[in-house]
Amino acid sequence: MKKYKVIIIALNLVLVLIFFHYSINRKETILREGKLILLELAPYDPRSYLQGDYMDLRYAIANESPATEDIPKRGYCVIQLDSGLIAKRVRLQPNRTPLSQGEYLIEYTAPRYWRINIGAESFFFQEGQAGKYARAKYGGIKVDAKGNSVLIGLYDEQKKLIQ
């Protein structure tokens, strides 16, 4: 019986490592091949003192839904970009299609009926750097064709990456 326990534990470990590798590889692909999109940040308390130097992000496109709008729990935020890569929300839809020319998808969840969450709402930075990031105007994400996104950094008013 002990032999089977070792085999089951080893098999579970291998499965976790495969899943972990797949997740990392998928995010690396989005970083390499994804489209850069800048999301305007909405006003929000910028720091969490209990978690160290950390910024809780809110995006203007996530706050555009009136409380009366029926938002699916999961779906896609369809956006268009202006000339400066700034995202403007066009609509929310439950599927990847329809999608017109010049439109991009960002996958979302809606934990509350009045706000969407695109999965890039936290930004951690080195201790003592809070003043530098306080001037952030945009969150920069990369998205793939399926609407998966990765936060790559914060950008200032001139659309320059804050480093």
C-alpha atoms as a PDB file:
ATOM      1  CA  MET A   1       0.000   0.000   0.000  1.00  0.00           C
ATOM      2  CA  LYS A   2       2.866   2.366   0.773  1.00  0.00           C
ATOM      3  CA  LYS A   3       4.210   1.874  -2.764  1.00  0.00           C
ATOM      4  CA  TYR A   4       0.921   3.160  -4.234  1.00  0.00           C
ATOM      5  CA  LYS A   5       0.987   6.260  -2.028  1.00  0.00           C
ATOM      6  CA  VAL A   6       4.437   7.182  -3.315  1.00  0.00           C
ATOM      7  CA  ILE A   7       3.327   6.651  -6.921  1.00  0.00           C
ATOM      8  CA  ILE A   8       0.179   8.775  -6.421  1.00  0.00           C
ATOM      9  CA  ILE A   9       2.160  11.564  -4.751  1.00  0.00           C
ATOM     10  CA  ALA A  10       4.786  11.503  -7.514  1.00  0.00           C
ATOM     11  CA  LEU A  11       2.092  11.531 -10.225  1.00  0.00           C
ATOM     12  CA  ASN A  12       0.349  14.504  -8.575  1.00  0.00           C
ATOM     13  CA  LEU A  13       3.651  16.364  -8.338  1.00  0.00           C
ATOM     14  CA  VAL A  14       4.350  15.757 -12.026  1.00  0.00           C
ATOM     15  CA  LEU A  15       0.850  16.983 -12.955  1.00  0.00           C
ATOM     16  CA  VAL A  16       1.281  20.159 -10.889  1.00  0.00           C
ATOM     17  CA  LEU A  17       4.659  20.844 -12.494  1.00  0.00           C
ATOM     18  CA  ILE A  18       3.210  20.324 -15.989  1.00  0.00           C
ATOM     19  CA  PHE A  19       0.343  22.717 -15.242  1.00  0.00           C
ATOM     20  CA  PHE A  20       2.763  25.261 -13.731  1.00  0.00           C
ATOM     21  CA  HIS A  21       5.034  25.082 -16.784  1.00  0.00           C
ATOM     22  CA  TYR A  22       2.049  25.451 -19.140  1.00  0.00           C
ATOM     23  CA  SER A  23       0.830  28.560 -17.265  1.00  0.00           C
ATOM     24  CA  ILE A  24       4.248  30.202 -17.373  1.00  0.00           C
ATOM     25  CA  ASN A  25       4.707  29.359 -21.041  1.00  0.00           C
ATOM     26  CA  ARG A  26       1.277  30.829 -21.904  1.00  0.00           C
ATOM     27  CA  LYS A  27       2.063  34.115 -20.100  1.00  0.00           C
ATOM     28  CA  GLU A  28       5.501  34.314 -21.751  1.00  0.00           C
ATOM     29  CA  THR A  29       3.849  33.888 -25.157  1.00  0.00           C
ATOM     30  CA  ILE A  30       1.439  36.735 -24.405  1.00  0.00           C
ATOM     31  CA  LEU A  31       4.369  38.941 -23.328  1.00  0.00           C
ATOM     32  CA  ARG A  32       6.288  38.120 -26.506  1.00  0.00           C
ATOM     33  CA  GLU A  33       3.493  38.214 -29.079  1.00  0.00           C
ATOM     34  CA  GLY A  34       0.651  40.162 -27.444  1.00  0.00           C
ATOM     35  CA  LYS A  35      -0.686  43.561 -28.461  1.00  0.00           C
ATOM     36  CA  LEU A  36       0.217  46.448 -26.120  1.00  0.00           C
ATOM     37  CA  ILE A  37      -2.864  48.253 -24.828  1.00  0.00           C
ATOM     38  CA  LEU A  38      -2.983  51.116 -22.340  1.00  0.00           C
ATOM     39  CA  LEU A  39      -5.923  51.218 -19.938  1.00  0.00           C
ATOM     40  CA  GLU A  40      -6.727  54.501 -18.244  1.00  0.00           C
ATOM     41  CA  LEU A  41      -6.563  54.162 -14.478  1.00  0.00           C
ATOM     42  CA  ALA A  42      -9.602  55.263 -12.485  1.00  0.00           C
ATOM     43  CA  PRO A  43      -9.138  57.055  -9.158  1.00  0.00           C
ATOM     44  CA  TYR A  44      -8.692  54.644  -6.274  1.00  0.00           C
ATOM     45  CA  ASP A  45      -6.745  54.364  -3.026  1.00  0.00           C
ATOM     46  CA  PRO A  46      -3.293  53.575  -4.440  1.00  0.00           C
ATOM     47  CA  ARG A  47      -1.637  51.721  -1.554  1.00  0.00           C
ATOM     48  CA  SER A  48      -2.187  48.814   0.759  1.00  0.00           C
ATOM     49  CA  TYR A  49      -0.076  49.302   3.864  1.00  0.00           C
ATOM     50  CA  LEU A  50      -0.668  45.782   5.131  1.00  0.00           C
ATOM     51  CA  GLN A  51       0.825  44.174   2.025  1.00  0.00           C
ATOM     52  CA  GLY A  52       3.831  46.425   1.581  1.00  0.00           C
ATOM     53  CA  ASP A  53       4.385  48.531  -1.486  1.00  0.00           C
ATOM     54  CA  TYR A  54       1.493  47.477  -3.591  1.00  0.00           C
ATOM     55  CA  MET A  55      -0.982  49.283  -5.799  1.00  0.00           C
ATOM     56  CA  ASP A  56      -4.576  48.173  -6.262  1.00  0.00           C
ATOM     57  CA  LEU A  57      -5.549  49.199  -9.795  1.00  0.00           C
ATOM     58  CA  ARG A  58      -8.947  50.214 -11.116  1.00  0.00           C
ATOM     59  CA  TYR A  59      -9.528  50.834 -14.785  1.00  0.00           C
ATOM     60  CA  ALA A  60     -11.882  53.360 -16.351  1.00  0.00           C
ATOM     61  CA  ILE A  61     -13.263  50.708 -18.744  1.00  0.00           C
ATOM     62  CA  ALA A  62     -14.244  48.562 -15.750  1.00  0.00           C
ATOM     63  CA  ASN A  63     -16.220  51.376 -14.136  1.00  0.00           C
ATOM     64  CA  GLU A  64     -18.262  52.307 -17.224  1.00  0.00           C
ATOM     65  CA  SER A  65     -21.124  49.890 -16.531  1.00  0.00           C
ATOM     66  CA  PRO A  66     -24.268  51.365 -15.056  1.00  0.00           C
ATOM     67  CA  ALA A  67     -25.712  49.282 -12.223  1.00  0.00           C
ATOM     68  CA  THR A  68     -28.754  48.528 -14.378  1.00  0.00           C
ATOM     69  CA  GLU A  69     -26.734  46.886 -17.166  1.00  0.00           C
ATOM     70  CA  ASP A  70     -27.025  43.088 -17.205  1.00  0.00           C
ATOM     71  CA  ILE A  71     -23.406  41.870 -17.177  1.00  0.00           C
ATOM     72  CA  PRO A  72     -22.613  38.175 -17.671  1.00  0.00           C
ATOM     73  CA  LYS A  73     -20.398  36.704 -14.907  1.00  0.00           C
ATOM     74  CA  ARG A  74     -17.738  35.813 -17.496  1.00  0.00           C
ATOM     75  CA  GLY A  75     -17.174  37.247 -20.907  1.00  0.00           C
ATOM     76  CA  TYR A  76     -15.165  39.603 -23.062  1.00  0.00           C
ATOM     77  CA  CYS A  77     -14.761  43.350 -23.000  1.00  0.00           C
ATOM     78  CA  VAL A  78     -14.494  44.514 -26.605  1.00  0.00           C
ATOM     79  CA  ILE A  79     -12.275  47.568 -26.990  1.00  0.00           C
ATOM     80  CA  GLN A  80     -10.951  49.823 -29.717  1.00  0.00           C
ATOM     81  CA  LEU A  81      -7.708  51.761 -29.541  1.00  0.00           C
ATOM     82  CA  ASP A  82      -7.329  55.447 -30.189  1.00  0.00           C
ATOM     83  CA  SER A  83      -4.219  56.745 -31.961  1.00  0.00           C
ATOM     84  CA  GLY A  84      -2.226  56.577 -28.708  1.00  0.00           C
ATOM     85  CA  LEU A  85      -2.963  52.917 -27.841  1.00  0.00           C
ATOM     86  CA  ILE A  86      -5.550  53.979 -25.227  1.00  0.00           C
ATOM     87  CA  ALA A  87      -8.415  51.483 -24.918  1.00  0.00           C
ATOM     88  CA  LYS A  88     -12.021  52.650 -25.211  1.00  0.00           C
ATOM     89  CA  ARG A  89     -14.730  50.166 -24.320  1.00  0.00           C
ATOM     90  CA  VAL A  90     -17.154  49.321 -27.117  1.00  0.00           C
ATOM     91  CA  ARG A  91     -19.278  46.626 -25.482  1.00  0.00           C
ATOM     92  CA  LEU A  92     -19.333  43.544 -23.282  1.00  0.00           C
ATOM     93  CA  GLN A  93     -20.186  40.192 -24.821  1.00  0.00           C
ATOM     94  CA  PRO A  94     -20.318  36.589 -23.604  1.00  0.00           C
ATOM     95  CA  ASN A  95     -18.311  35.088 -26.527  1.00  0.00           C
ATOM     96  CA  ARG A  96     -15.231  35.918 -28.588  1.00  0.00           C
ATOM     97  CA  THR A  97     -17.378  36.705 -31.610  1.00  0.00           C
ATOM     98  CA  PRO A  98     -18.565  38.948 -33.181  1.00  0.00           C
ATOM     99  CA  LEU A  99     -15.433  41.046 -33.516  1.00  0.00           C
ATOM    100  CA  SER A 100     -15.073  43.845 -36.068  1.00  0.00           C
ATOM    101  CA  GLN A 101     -11.925  45.231 -37.684  1.00  0.00           C
ATOM    102  CA  GLY A 102      -9.851  47.211 -35.173  1.00  0.00           C
ATOM    103  CA  GLU A 103     -11.484  45.643 -32.120  1.00  0.00           C
ATOM    104  CA  TYR A 104      -9.651  43.654 -29.442  1.00  0.00           C
ATOM    105  CA  LEU A 105     -10.822  41.366 -26.657  1.00  0.00           C
ATOM    106  CA  ILE A 106     -10.004  41.408 -22.966  1.00  0.00           C
ATOM    107  CA  GLU A 107     -11.382  38.485 -20.987  1.00  0.00           C
ATOM    108  CA  TYR A 108     -13.160  39.493 -17.783  1.00  0.00           C
ATOM    109  CA  THR A 109     -15.038  38.174 -14.772  1.00  0.00           C
ATOM    110  CA  ALA A 110     -17.757  40.111 -12.979  1.00  0.00           C
ATOM    111  CA  PRO A 111     -17.628  39.337  -9.264  1.00  0.00           C
ATOM    112  CA  ARG A 112     -20.149  42.150  -8.731  1.00  0.00           C
ATOM    113  CA  TYR A 113     -22.879  43.140 -11.132  1.00  0.00           C
ATOM    114  CA  TRP A 114     -21.683  46.746 -11.489  1.00  0.00           C
ATOM    115  CA  ARG A 115     -17.951  46.203 -12.174  1.00  0.00           C
ATOM    116  CA  ILE A 116     -15.782  43.947 -14.300  1.00  0.00           C
ATOM    117  CA  ASN A 117     -12.384  42.503 -13.354  1.00  0.00           C
ATOM    118  CA  ILE A 118      -9.855  41.892 -16.149  1.00  0.00           C
ATOM    119  CA  GLY A 119      -7.430  40.012 -13.902  1.00  0.00           C
ATOM    120  CA  ALA A 120      -4.653  42.608 -13.738  1.00  0.00           C
ATOM    121  CA  GLU A 121      -5.773  44.624 -10.714  1.00  0.00           C
ATOM    122  CA  SER A 122      -2.644  44.377  -8.565  1.00  0.00           C
ATOM    123  CA  PHE A 123       0.787  45.885  -9.111  1.00  0.00           C
ATOM    124  CA  PHE A 124       3.614  45.169  -6.665  1.00  0.00           C
ATOM    125  CA  PHE A 125       6.772  47.256  -6.675  1.00  0.00           C
ATOM    126  CA  GLN A 126      10.002  47.623  -4.736  1.00  0.00           C
ATOM    127  CA  GLU A 127       9.743  49.182  -1.293  1.00  0.00           C
ATOM    128  CA  GLY A 128      10.323  52.922  -1.307  1.00  0.00           C
ATOM    129  CA  GLN A 129       9.214  53.403  -4.925  1.00  0.00           C
ATOM    130  CA  ALA A 130       5.611  54.473  -4.177  1.00  0.00           C
ATOM    131  CA  GLY A 131       6.172  58.127  -5.139  1.00  0.00           C
ATOM    132  CA  LYS A 132       7.352  57.134  -8.575  1.00  0.00           C
ATOM    133  CA  TYR A 133       4.232  55.070  -9.292  1.00  0.00           C
ATOM    134  CA  ALA A 134       1.809  57.598  -7.762  1.00  0.00           C
ATOM    135  CA  ARG A 135       1.918  59.554 -11.050  1.00  0.00           C
ATOM    136  CA  ALA A 136       0.725  56.557 -13.088  1.00  0.00           C
ATOM    137  CA  LYS A 137      -2.056  57.393 -15.531  1.00  0.00           C
ATOM    138  CA  TYR A 138      -2.282  54.121 -17.484  1.00  0.00           C
ATOM    139  CA  GLY A 139      -1.888  50.415 -16.878  1.00  0.00           C
ATOM    140  CA  GLY A 140      -0.106  48.683 -19.745  1.00  0.00           C
ATOM    141  CA  ILE A 141      -1.289  45.195 -20.639  1.00  0.00           C
ATOM    142  CA  LYS A 142      -0.512  42.820 -23.436  1.00  0.00           C
ATOM    143  CA  VAL A 143      -3.388  40.798 -24.863  1.00  0.00           C
ATOM    144  CA  ASP A 144      -3.540  37.879 -27.240  1.00  0.00           C
ATOM    145  CA  ALA A 145      -6.192  37.101 -29.847  1.00  0.00           C
ATOM    146  CA  LYS A 146      -8.193  35.059 -27.318  1.00  0.00           C
ATOM    147  CA  GLY A 147      -8.511  37.953 -24.854  1.00  0.00           C
ATOM    148  CA  ASN A 148      -5.954  36.705 -22.315  1.00  0.00           C
ATOM    149  CA  SER A 149      -4.028  39.583 -20.748  1.00  0.00           C
ATOM    150  CA  VAL A 150      -0.853  40.215 -18.741  1.00  0.00           C
ATOM    151  CA  LEU A 151      -0.067  43.451 -16.891  1.00  0.00           C
ATOM    152  CA  ILE A 152       3.386  44.634 -17.978  1.00  0.00           C
ATOM    153  CA  GLY A 153       3.694  47.916 -16.109  1.00  0.00           C
ATOM    154  CA  LEU A 154       2.379  51.367 -15.356  1.00  0.00           C
ATOM    155  CA  TYR A 155       2.669  54.318 -17.721  1.00  0.00           C
ATOM    156  CA  ASP A 156       2.714  58.059 -17.065  1.00  0.00           C
ATOM    157  CA  GLU A 157       0.704  60.804 -18.765  1.00  0.00           C
ATOM    158  CA  GLN A 158       3.168  60.907 -21.694  1.00  0.00           C
ATOM    159  CA  LYS A 159       2.587  57.154 -22.203  1.00  0.00           C
ATOM    160  CA  LYS A 160       6.116  56.271 -21.070  1.00  0.00           C
ATOM    161  CA  LEU A 161       6.741  53.152 -19.015  1.00  0.00           C
ATOM    162  CA  ILE A 162       7.538  54.046 -15.403  1.00  0.00           C
ATOM    163  CA  GLN A 163      10.731  52.218 -14.407  1.00  0.00           C
END
